[in-house]
Full PDB file with SEQRES, HELIX, SHEET, SSBOND, CRYST1, ORIGX, SCALE, CONECT and MASTER records, all heavy atoms in Angstrom:
SEQRES   1 A   33  THR GLN ALA LEU LEU ASP ALA ASN PHE GLU TYR PRO ALA          
SEQRES   2 A   33  ILE ASN GLU TRP ASN GLU ASP SER LYS TYR PHE ASP TRP          
SEQRES   3 A   33  TRP ASP ARG VAL GLU ALA ALA                                  
HELIX    1 AA1 GLN A    2  ASP A    6  1                                   5    
HELIX    2 AA2 PHE A   24  TRP A   26  5                                   3    
CRYST1    1.000    1.000    1.000  90.00  90.00  90.00 P 1           1          
ORIGX1      1.000000  0.000000  0.000000        0.00000                         
ORIGX2      0.000000  1.000000  0.000000        0.00000                         
ORIGX3      0.000000  0.000000  1.000000        0.00000                         
SCALE1      1.000000  0.000000  0.000000        0.00000                         
SCALE2      0.000000  1.000000  0.000000        0.00000                         
SCALE3      0.000000  0.000000  1.000000        0.00000                         
ATOM      1  N   THR A   1      49.718  72.063 122.302  1.00  0.00           N  
ATOM      2  CA  THR A   1      50.692  71.072 122.168  1.00  0.00           C  
ATOM      3  C   THR A   1      51.761  71.508 121.184  1.00  0.00           C  
ATOM      4  O   THR A   1      52.939  71.220 121.385  1.00  0.00           O  
ATOM      5  CB  THR A   1      50.054  69.717 121.689  1.00  0.00           C  
ATOM      6  OG1 THR A   1      49.149  69.219 122.720  1.00  0.00           O  
ATOM      7  CG2 THR A   1      51.200  68.623 121.399  1.00  0.00           C  
ATOM      8  N   GLN A   2      51.427  71.967 120.004  1.00  0.00           N  
ATOM      9  CA  GLN A   2      52.372  72.391 119.005  1.00  0.00           C  
ATOM     10  C   GLN A   2      53.373  73.350 119.641  1.00  0.00           C  
ATOM     11  O   GLN A   2      54.605  73.268 119.370  1.00  0.00           O  
ATOM     12  CB  GLN A   2      51.725  72.939 117.782  1.00  0.00           C  
ATOM     13  CG  GLN A   2      52.687  73.174 116.651  1.00  0.00           C  
ATOM     14  CD  GLN A   2      53.422  71.896 116.265  1.00  0.00           C  
ATOM     15  OE1 GLN A   2      52.702  70.817 116.116  1.00  0.00           O  
ATOM     16  NE2 GLN A   2      54.659  71.885 116.127  1.00  0.00           N  
ATOM     17  N   ALA A   3      52.887  74.267 120.455  1.00  0.00           N  
ATOM     18  CA  ALA A   3      53.767  75.375 120.987  1.00  0.00           C  
ATOM     19  C   ALA A   3      54.812  74.625 121.902  1.00  0.00           C  
ATOM     20  O   ALA A   3      55.928  74.950 121.957  1.00  0.00           O  
ATOM     21  CB  ALA A   3      53.014  76.428 121.835  1.00  0.00           C  
ATOM     22  N   LEU A   4      54.357  73.639 122.602  1.00  0.00           N  
ATOM     23  CA  LEU A   4      55.240  72.812 123.519  1.00  0.00           C  
ATOM     24  C   LEU A   4      56.356  71.989 122.656  1.00  0.00           C  
ATOM     25  O   LEU A   4      57.449  72.025 123.021  1.00  0.00           O  
ATOM     26  CB  LEU A   4      54.481  71.906 124.484  1.00  0.00           C  
ATOM     27  CG  LEU A   4      53.581  72.676 125.514  1.00  0.00           C  
ATOM     28  CD1 LEU A   4      52.688  71.623 126.070  1.00  0.00           C  
ATOM     29  CD2 LEU A   4      54.410  73.366 126.469  1.00  0.00           C  
ATOM     30  N   LEU A   5      55.660  71.427 121.652  1.00  0.00           N  
ATOM     31  CA  LEU A   5      56.608  70.676 120.792  1.00  0.00           C  
ATOM     32  C   LEU A   5      57.630  71.446 120.078  1.00  0.00           C  
ATOM     33  O   LEU A   5      58.867  71.199 119.977  1.00  0.00           O  
ATOM     34  CB  LEU A   5      55.813  69.934 119.706  1.00  0.00           C  
ATOM     35  CG  LEU A   5      54.895  68.769 120.203  1.00  0.00           C  
ATOM     36  CD1 LEU A   5      54.122  68.274 118.972  1.00  0.00           C  
ATOM     37  CD2 LEU A   5      55.654  67.658 120.799  1.00  0.00           C  
ATOM     38  N   ASP A   6      57.233  72.729 119.698  1.00  0.00           N  
ATOM     39  CA  ASP A   6      58.226  73.736 119.192  1.00  0.00           C  
ATOM     40  C   ASP A   6      59.291  74.113 120.232  1.00  0.00           C  
ATOM     41  O   ASP A   6      60.418  74.510 119.858  1.00  0.00           O  
ATOM     42  CB  ASP A   6      57.520  75.014 118.786  1.00  0.00           C  
ATOM     43  CG  ASP A   6      56.663  74.774 117.498  1.00  0.00           C  
ATOM     44  OD1 ASP A   6      56.908  73.759 116.873  1.00  0.00           O  
ATOM     45  OD2 ASP A   6      55.813  75.577 117.259  1.00  0.00           O  
ATOM     46  N   ALA A   7      58.927  73.964 121.546  1.00  0.00           N  
ATOM     47  CA  ALA A   7      59.885  74.245 122.641  1.00  0.00           C  
ATOM     48  C   ALA A   7      60.575  72.993 123.086  1.00  0.00           C  
ATOM     49  O   ALA A   7      61.141  73.039 124.160  1.00  0.00           O  
ATOM     50  CB  ALA A   7      59.184  74.990 123.807  1.00  0.00           C  
ATOM     51  N   ASN A   8      60.637  71.940 122.210  1.00  0.00           N  
ATOM     52  CA  ASN A   8      61.199  70.659 122.540  1.00  0.00           C  
ATOM     53  C   ASN A   8      60.721  69.877 123.647  1.00  0.00           C  
ATOM     54  O   ASN A   8      61.452  69.202 124.371  1.00  0.00           O  
ATOM     55  CB  ASN A   8      62.756  70.952 122.788  1.00  0.00           C  
ATOM     56  CG  ASN A   8      63.504  71.404 121.373  1.00  0.00           C  
ATOM     57  OD1 ASN A   8      63.136  70.985 120.412  1.00  0.00           O  
ATOM     58  ND2 ASN A   8      64.390  72.383 121.642  1.00  0.00           N  
ATOM     59  N   PHE A   9      59.359  70.127 123.974  1.00  0.00           N  
ATOM     60  CA  PHE A   9      58.721  69.324 124.931  1.00  0.00           C  
ATOM     61  C   PHE A   9      58.134  68.069 124.216  1.00  0.00           C  
ATOM     62  O   PHE A   9      57.335  68.216 123.192  1.00  0.00           O  
ATOM     63  CB  PHE A   9      57.445  70.010 125.489  1.00  0.00           C  
ATOM     64  CG  PHE A   9      57.936  70.988 126.637  1.00  0.00           C  
ATOM     65  CD1 PHE A   9      58.789  72.061 126.429  1.00  0.00           C  
ATOM     66  CD2 PHE A   9      57.414  70.750 127.909  1.00  0.00           C  
ATOM     67  CE1 PHE A   9      59.180  72.819 127.501  1.00  0.00           C  
ATOM     68  CE2 PHE A   9      57.794  71.500 128.956  1.00  0.00           C  
ATOM     69  CZ  PHE A   9      58.724  72.597 128.752  1.00  0.00           C  
ATOM     70  N   GLU A  10      58.488  66.891 124.720  1.00  0.00           N  
ATOM     71  CA  GLU A  10      58.267  65.675 123.988  1.00  0.00           C  
ATOM     72  C   GLU A  10      56.696  65.261 124.056  1.00  0.00           C  
ATOM     73  O   GLU A  10      56.179  64.639 123.165  1.00  0.00           O  
ATOM     74  CB  GLU A  10      59.132  64.533 124.458  1.00  0.00           C  
ATOM     75  CG  GLU A  10      59.025  63.251 123.766  1.00  0.00           C  
ATOM     76  CD  GLU A  10      59.846  62.211 124.327  1.00  0.00           C  
ATOM     77  OE1 GLU A  10      60.777  62.567 125.225  1.00  0.00           O  
ATOM     78  OE2 GLU A  10      59.801  61.026 124.014  1.00  0.00           O  
ATOM     79  N   TYR A  11      56.087  65.619 125.130  1.00  0.00           N  
ATOM     80  CA  TYR A  11      54.718  65.091 125.442  1.00  0.00           C  
ATOM     81  C   TYR A  11      53.664  66.415 125.302  1.00  0.00           C  
ATOM     82  O   TYR A  11      54.043  67.474 125.624  1.00  0.00           O  
ATOM     83  CB  TYR A  11      54.695  64.482 126.901  1.00  0.00           C  
ATOM     84  CG  TYR A  11      55.356  63.214 126.886  1.00  0.00           C  
ATOM     85  CD1 TYR A  11      56.740  63.201 127.314  1.00  0.00           C  
ATOM     86  CD2 TYR A  11      54.785  62.037 126.568  1.00  0.00           C  
ATOM     87  CE1 TYR A  11      57.469  62.002 127.348  1.00  0.00           C  
ATOM     88  CE2 TYR A  11      55.494  60.852 126.596  1.00  0.00           C  
ATOM     89  CZ  TYR A  11      56.834  60.778 126.981  1.00  0.00           C  
ATOM     90  OH  TYR A  11      57.436  59.625 127.037  1.00  0.00           O  
ATOM     91  N   PRO A  12      52.469  65.984 124.980  1.00  0.00           N  
ATOM     92  CA  PRO A  12      51.469  67.023 124.774  1.00  0.00           C  
ATOM     93  C   PRO A  12      51.135  67.714 126.064  1.00  0.00           C  
ATOM     94  O   PRO A  12      51.291  67.368 127.226  1.00  0.00           O  
ATOM     95  CB  PRO A  12      50.226  66.268 124.302  1.00  0.00           C  
ATOM     96  CG  PRO A  12      50.705  64.875 123.851  1.00  0.00           C  
ATOM     97  CD  PRO A  12      51.931  64.639 124.647  1.00  0.00           C  
ATOM     98  N   ALA A  13      50.501  69.000 125.890  1.00  0.00           N  
ATOM     99  CA  ALA A  13      50.026  69.656 127.083  1.00  0.00           C  
ATOM    100  C   ALA A  13      48.838  69.026 127.699  1.00  0.00           C  
ATOM    101  O   ALA A  13      48.100  68.543 126.992  1.00  0.00           O  
ATOM    102  CB  ALA A  13      49.755  71.176 126.636  1.00  0.00           C  
ATOM    103  N   ILE A  14      48.715  69.164 128.938  1.00  0.00           N  
ATOM    104  CA  ILE A  14      47.602  68.517 129.700  1.00  0.00           C  
ATOM    105  C   ILE A  14      46.514  69.658 130.013  1.00  0.00           C  
ATOM    106  O   ILE A  14      46.848  70.629 130.345  1.00  0.00           O  
ATOM    107  CB  ILE A  14      48.029  67.917 131.016  1.00  0.00           C  
ATOM    108  CG1 ILE A  14      48.929  66.608 130.724  1.00  0.00           C  
ATOM    109  CG2 ILE A  14      46.876  67.513 131.851  1.00  0.00           C  
ATOM    110  CD1 ILE A  14      49.483  66.060 131.877  1.00  0.00           C  
ATOM    111  N   ASN A  15      45.338  69.186 129.675  1.00  0.00           N  
ATOM    112  CA  ASN A  15      44.179  70.188 129.876  1.00  0.00           C  
ATOM    113  C   ASN A  15      43.553  69.906 131.195  1.00  0.00           C  
ATOM    114  O   ASN A  15      43.204  70.817 131.906  1.00  0.00           O  
ATOM    115  CB  ASN A  15      43.098  69.987 128.742  1.00  0.00           C  
ATOM    116  CG  ASN A  15      42.054  71.011 128.812  1.00  0.00           C  
ATOM    117  OD1 ASN A  15      42.379  72.243 128.742  1.00  0.00           O  
ATOM    118  ND2 ASN A  15      40.741  70.633 128.670  1.00  0.00           N  
ATOM    119  N   GLU A  16      43.411  68.671 131.530  1.00  0.00           N  
ATOM    120  CA  GLU A  16      42.775  68.279 132.856  1.00  0.00           C  
ATOM    121  C   GLU A  16      43.264  67.042 133.382  1.00  0.00           C  
ATOM    122  O   GLU A  16      43.588  66.082 132.667  1.00  0.00           O  
ATOM    123  CB  GLU A  16      41.212  68.259 132.631  1.00  0.00           C  
ATOM    124  CG  GLU A  16      40.401  67.994 133.948  1.00  0.00           C  
ATOM    125  CD  GLU A  16      38.933  67.762 133.607  1.00  0.00           C  
ATOM    126  OE1 GLU A  16      38.570  67.847 132.381  1.00  0.00           O  
ATOM    127  OE2 GLU A  16      38.174  67.581 134.607  1.00  0.00           O  
ATOM    128  N   TRP A  17      43.484  67.077 134.670  1.00  0.00           N  
ATOM    129  CA  TRP A  17      43.950  65.840 135.322  1.00  0.00           C  
ATOM    130  C   TRP A  17      42.640  64.917 135.659  1.00  0.00           C  
ATOM    131  O   TRP A  17      41.648  65.316 135.870  1.00  0.00           O  
ATOM    132  CB  TRP A  17      44.617  66.075 136.677  1.00  0.00           C  
ATOM    133  CG  TRP A  17      45.886  66.803 136.662  1.00  0.00           C  
ATOM    134  CD1 TRP A  17      46.131  68.026 136.984  1.00  0.00           C  
ATOM    135  CD2 TRP A  17      47.221  66.396 136.167  1.00  0.00           C  
ATOM    136  NE1 TRP A  17      47.459  68.372 136.801  1.00  0.00           N  
ATOM    137  CE2 TRP A  17      48.032  67.402 136.237  1.00  0.00           C  
ATOM    138  CE3 TRP A  17      47.566  65.148 135.518  1.00  0.00           C  
ATOM    139  CZ2 TRP A  17      49.379  67.200 135.757  1.00  0.00           C  
ATOM    140  CZ3 TRP A  17      48.888  64.911 135.197  1.00  0.00           C  
ATOM    141  CH2 TRP A  17      49.724  65.975 135.351  1.00  0.00           C  
ATOM    142  N   ASN A  18      42.974  63.602 135.656  1.00  0.00           N  
ATOM    143  CA  ASN A  18      41.981  62.630 136.175  1.00  0.00           C  
ATOM    144  C   ASN A  18      42.157  62.286 137.571  1.00  0.00           C  
ATOM    145  O   ASN A  18      42.891  61.451 137.992  1.00  0.00           O  
ATOM    146  CB  ASN A  18      42.007  61.383 135.206  1.00  0.00           C  
ATOM    147  CG  ASN A  18      41.218  60.188 135.751  1.00  0.00           C  
ATOM    148  OD1 ASN A  18      40.172  60.474 136.497  1.00  0.00           O  
ATOM    149  ND2 ASN A  18      41.539  58.921 135.452  1.00  0.00           N  
ATOM    150  N   GLU A  19      41.627  63.078 138.458  1.00  0.00           N  
ATOM    151  CA  GLU A  19      41.810  63.030 139.926  1.00  0.00           C  
ATOM    152  C   GLU A  19      41.147  61.783 140.498  1.00  0.00           C  
ATOM    153  O   GLU A  19      41.277  61.490 141.576  1.00  0.00           O  
ATOM    154  CB  GLU A  19      41.360  64.275 140.623  1.00  0.00           C  
ATOM    155  CG  GLU A  19      42.164  65.472 140.114  1.00  0.00           C  
ATOM    156  CD  GLU A  19      42.072  66.617 141.092  1.00  0.00           C  
ATOM    157  OE1 GLU A  19      41.800  66.475 142.294  1.00  0.00           O  
ATOM    158  OE2 GLU A  19      42.339  67.790 140.629  1.00  0.00           O  
ATOM    159  N   ASP A  20      40.287  61.054 139.713  1.00  0.00           N  
ATOM    160  CA  ASP A  20      39.542  59.901 140.183  1.00  0.00           C  
ATOM    161  C   ASP A  20      40.563  58.692 139.981  1.00  0.00           C  
ATOM    162  O   ASP A  20      40.181  57.600 140.325  1.00  0.00           O  
ATOM    163  CB  ASP A  20      38.385  59.676 139.396  1.00  0.00           C  
ATOM    164  CG  ASP A  20      37.254  60.702 139.793  1.00  0.00           C  
ATOM    165  OD1 ASP A  20      37.276  61.125 140.933  1.00  0.00           O  
ATOM    166  OD2 ASP A  20      36.441  60.978 138.953  1.00  0.00           O  
ATOM    167  N   SER A  21      41.657  58.922 139.164  1.00  0.00           N  
ATOM    168  CA  SER A  21      42.601  57.710 138.911  1.00  0.00           C  
ATOM    169  C   SER A  21      43.144  57.213 140.296  1.00  0.00           C  
ATOM    170  O   SER A  21      43.569  58.071 141.217  1.00  0.00           O  
ATOM    171  CB  SER A  21      43.708  58.123 138.128  1.00  0.00           C  
ATOM    172  OG  SER A  21      44.751  57.175 138.016  1.00  0.00           O  
ATOM    173  N   LYS A  22      43.243  55.936 140.446  1.00  0.00           N  
ATOM    174  CA  LYS A  22      43.787  55.334 141.662  1.00  0.00           C  
ATOM    175  C   LYS A  22      45.254  55.677 141.845  1.00  0.00           C  
ATOM    176  O   LYS A  22      45.853  55.668 142.932  1.00  0.00           O  
ATOM    177  CB  LYS A  22      43.544  53.753 141.719  1.00  0.00           C  
ATOM    178  CG  LYS A  22      44.400  53.070 140.513  1.00  0.00           C  
ATOM    179  CD  LYS A  22      44.184  51.647 140.645  1.00  0.00           C  
ATOM    180  CE  LYS A  22      45.022  50.994 141.826  1.00  0.00           C  
ATOM    181  NZ  LYS A  22      45.036  49.545 141.801  1.00  0.00           N  
ATOM    182  N   TYR A  23      45.882  56.100 140.691  1.00  0.00           N  
ATOM    183  CA  TYR A  23      47.300  56.423 140.760  1.00  0.00           C  
ATOM    184  C   TYR A  23      47.600  58.044 140.851  1.00  0.00           C  
ATOM    185  O   TYR A  23      48.704  58.448 140.799  1.00  0.00           O  
ATOM    186  CB  TYR A  23      47.910  56.055 139.390  1.00  0.00           C  
ATOM    187  CG  TYR A  23      47.831  54.472 139.175  1.00  0.00           C  
ATOM    188  CD1 TYR A  23      47.034  54.036 138.178  1.00  0.00           C  
ATOM    189  CD2 TYR A  23      48.360  53.632 140.075  1.00  0.00           C  
ATOM    190  CE1 TYR A  23      46.874  52.642 137.931  1.00  0.00           C  
ATOM    191  CE2 TYR A  23      48.201  52.204 139.991  1.00  0.00           C  
ATOM    192  CZ  TYR A  23      47.474  51.712 138.801  1.00  0.00           C  
ATOM    193  OH  TYR A  23      47.361  50.422 138.666  1.00  0.00           O  
ATOM    194  N   PHE A  24      46.495  58.736 140.865  1.00  0.00           N  
ATOM    195  CA  PHE A  24      46.704  60.286 140.968  1.00  0.00           C  
ATOM    196  C   PHE A  24      47.665  60.676 142.135  1.00  0.00           C  
ATOM    197  O   PHE A  24      48.587  61.464 141.965  1.00  0.00           O  
ATOM    198  CB  PHE A  24      45.303  60.943 141.073  1.00  0.00           C  
ATOM    199  CG  PHE A  24      45.485  62.468 141.037  1.00  0.00           C  
ATOM    200  CD1 PHE A  24      45.710  63.036 139.767  1.00  0.00           C  
ATOM    201  CD2 PHE A  24      45.496  63.317 142.083  1.00  0.00           C  
ATOM    202  CE1 PHE A  24      45.915  64.412 139.597  1.00  0.00           C  
ATOM    203  CE2 PHE A  24      45.592  64.654 142.000  1.00  0.00           C  
ATOM    204  CZ  PHE A  24      45.793  65.295 140.673  1.00  0.00           C  
ATOM    205  N   ASP A  25      47.502  60.129 143.324  1.00  0.00           N  
ATOM    206  CA  ASP A  25      48.305  60.386 144.509  1.00  0.00           C  
ATOM    207  C   ASP A  25      49.594  59.595 144.454  1.00  0.00           C  
ATOM    208  O   ASP A  25      50.400  59.686 145.470  1.00  0.00           O  
ATOM    209  CB  ASP A  25      47.602  60.388 145.727  1.00  0.00           C  
ATOM    210  CG  ASP A  25      46.413  61.397 145.821  1.00  0.00           C  
ATOM    211  OD1 ASP A  25      46.585  62.504 145.360  1.00  0.00           O  
ATOM    212  OD2 ASP A  25      45.432  61.008 146.488  1.00  0.00           O  
ATOM    213  N   TRP A  26      49.902  58.846 143.481  1.00  0.00           N  
ATOM    214  CA  TRP A  26      51.155  57.998 143.497  1.00  0.00           C  
ATOM    215  C   TRP A  26      52.304  59.015 142.966  1.00  0.00           C  
ATOM    216  O   TRP A  26      53.463  58.555 143.067  1.00  0.00           O  
ATOM    217  CB  TRP A  26      51.005  56.769 142.458  1.00  0.00           C  
ATOM    218  CG  TRP A  26      50.251  55.694 143.011  1.00  0.00           C  
ATOM    219  CD1 TRP A  26      49.147  55.693 143.680  1.00  0.00           C  
ATOM    220  CD2 TRP A  26      50.646  54.322 142.891  1.00  0.00           C  
ATOM    221  NE1 TRP A  26      48.683  54.503 144.133  1.00  0.00           N  
ATOM    222  CE2 TRP A  26      49.731  53.585 143.499  1.00  0.00           C  
ATOM    223  CE3 TRP A  26      51.664  53.693 142.319  1.00  0.00           C  
ATOM    224  CZ2 TRP A  26      49.683  52.117 143.592  1.00  0.00           C  
ATOM    225  CZ3 TRP A  26      51.646  52.288 142.313  1.00  0.00           C  
ATOM    226  CH2 TRP A  26      50.678  51.558 142.967  1.00  0.00           C  
ATOM    227  N   TRP A  27      51.956  60.142 142.494  1.00  0.00           N  
ATOM    228  CA  TRP A  27      52.948  61.094 141.980  1.00  0.00           C  
ATOM    229  C   TRP A  27      53.109  62.311 142.809  1.00  0.00           C  
ATOM    230  O   TRP A  27      52.053  62.922 143.307  1.00  0.00           O  
ATOM    231  CB  TRP A  27      52.542  61.461 140.418  1.00  0.00           C  
ATOM    232  CG  TRP A  27      52.232  60.230 139.700  1.00  0.00           C  
ATOM    233  CD1 TRP A  27      51.134  59.639 139.408  1.00  0.00           C  
ATOM    234  CD2 TRP A  27      53.376  59.452 139.086  1.00  0.00           C  
ATOM    235  NE1 TRP A  27      51.266  58.513 138.702  1.00  0.00           N  
ATOM    236  CE2 TRP A  27      52.607  58.424 138.512  1.00  0.00           C  
ATOM    237  CE3 TRP A  27      54.780  59.455 139.046  1.00  0.00           C  
ATOM    238  CZ2 TRP A  27      53.293  57.330 137.821  1.00  0.00           C  
ATOM    239  CZ3 TRP A  27      55.388  58.461 138.394  1.00  0.00           C  
ATOM    240  CH2 TRP A  27      54.768  57.425 137.786  1.00  0.00           C  
ATOM    241  N   ASP A  28      54.258  62.753 143.052  1.00  0.00           N  
ATOM    242  CA  ASP A  28      54.545  63.882 143.917  1.00  0.00           C  
ATOM    243  C   ASP A  28      53.961  65.094 143.164  1.00  0.00           C  
ATOM    244  O   ASP A  28      54.333  65.396 141.939  1.00  0.00           O  
ATOM    245  CB  ASP A  28      55.990  64.004 144.079  1.00  0.00           C  
ATOM    246  CG  ASP A  28      56.368  65.165 145.056  1.00  0.00           C  
ATOM    247  OD1 ASP A  28      55.759  65.295 146.080  1.00  0.00           O  
ATOM    248  OD2 ASP A  28      57.205  66.064 144.579  1.00  0.00           O  
ATOM    249  N   ARG A  29      53.152  65.867 143.816  1.00  0.00           N  
ATOM    250  CA  ARG A  29      52.542  67.129 143.269  1.00  0.00           C  
ATOM    251  C   ARG A  29      52.747  68.258 144.046  1.00  0.00           C  
ATOM    252  O   ARG A  29      52.783  68.319 145.324  1.00  0.00           O  
ATOM    253  CB  ARG A  29      51.007  66.765 142.909  1.00  0.00           C  
ATOM    254  CG  ARG A  29      50.843  65.575 141.922  1.00  0.00           C  
ATOM    255  CD  ARG A  29      49.242  65.382 141.769  1.00  0.00           C  
ATOM    256  NE  ARG A  29      49.148  64.317 140.886  1.00  0.00           N  
ATOM    257  CZ  ARG A  29      49.232  64.352 139.529  1.00  0.00           C  
ATOM    258  NH1 ARG A  29      49.326  65.510 138.921  1.00  0.00           N  
ATOM    259  NH2 ARG A  29      48.929  63.313 138.797  1.00  0.00           N  
ATOM    260  N   VAL A  30      52.539  69.502 143.357  1.00  0.00           N  
ATOM    261  CA  VAL A  30      52.658  70.772 143.956  1.00  0.00           C  
ATOM    262  C   VAL A  30      51.505  71.627 143.562  1.00  0.00           C  
ATOM    263  O   VAL A  30      51.036  71.535 142.519  1.00  0.00           O  
ATOM    264  CB  VAL A  30      54.089  71.457 143.705  1.00  0.00           C  
ATOM    265  CG1 VAL A  30      55.050  70.790 144.402  1.00  0.00           C  
ATOM    266  CG2 VAL A  30      54.319  71.646 142.211  1.00  0.00           C  
ATOM    267  N   GLU A  31      51.195  72.669 144.405  1.00  0.00           N  
ATOM    268  CA  GLU A  31      50.053  73.677 144.080  1.00  0.00           C  
ATOM    269  C   GLU A  31      50.672  74.723 143.101  1.00  0.00           C  
ATOM    270  O   GLU A  31      50.706  75.883 143.443  1.00  0.00           O  
ATOM    271  CB  GLU A  31      49.487  74.114 145.306  1.00  0.00           C  
ATOM    272  CG  GLU A  31      48.661  73.143 146.025  1.00  0.00           C  
ATOM    273  CD  GLU A  31      47.548  72.658 145.220  1.00  0.00           C  
ATOM    274  OE1 GLU A  31      46.781  73.559 144.490  1.00  0.00           O  
ATOM    275  OE2 GLU A  31      47.258  71.381 145.143  1.00  0.00           O  
ATOM    276  N   ALA A  32      51.236  74.320 141.968  1.00  0.00           N  
ATOM    277  CA  ALA A  32      51.652  75.259 140.908  1.00  0.00           C  
ATOM    278  C   ALA A  32      51.443  74.631 139.602  1.00  0.00           C  
ATOM    279  O   ALA A  32      51.545  73.473 139.477  1.00  0.00           O  
ATOM    280  CB  ALA A  32      53.125  75.472 141.218  1.00  0.00           C  
ATOM    281  N   ALA A  33      51.361  75.469 138.653  1.00  0.00           N  
ATOM    282  CA  ALA A  33      51.194  74.991 137.256  1.00  0.00           C  
ATOM    283  C   ALA A  33      52.533  74.659 136.714  1.00  0.00           C  
ATOM    284  O   ALA A  33      53.585  75.380 136.994  1.00  0.00           O  
ATOM    285  CB  ALA A  33      50.441  76.104 136.461  1.00  0.00           C  
TER     286      ALA A  33                                                      
MASTER        0    0    0    2    0    0    0    6  285    1    0    3          
END                                                                             
């Protein structure tokens, strides 16, 4: 997270997605990091 904040990223880095969330597929996603 600190490296991202240093690069002016406002939000923390994500370690793992919650793919069981009912909203997981509510967001447009791609097979890329």
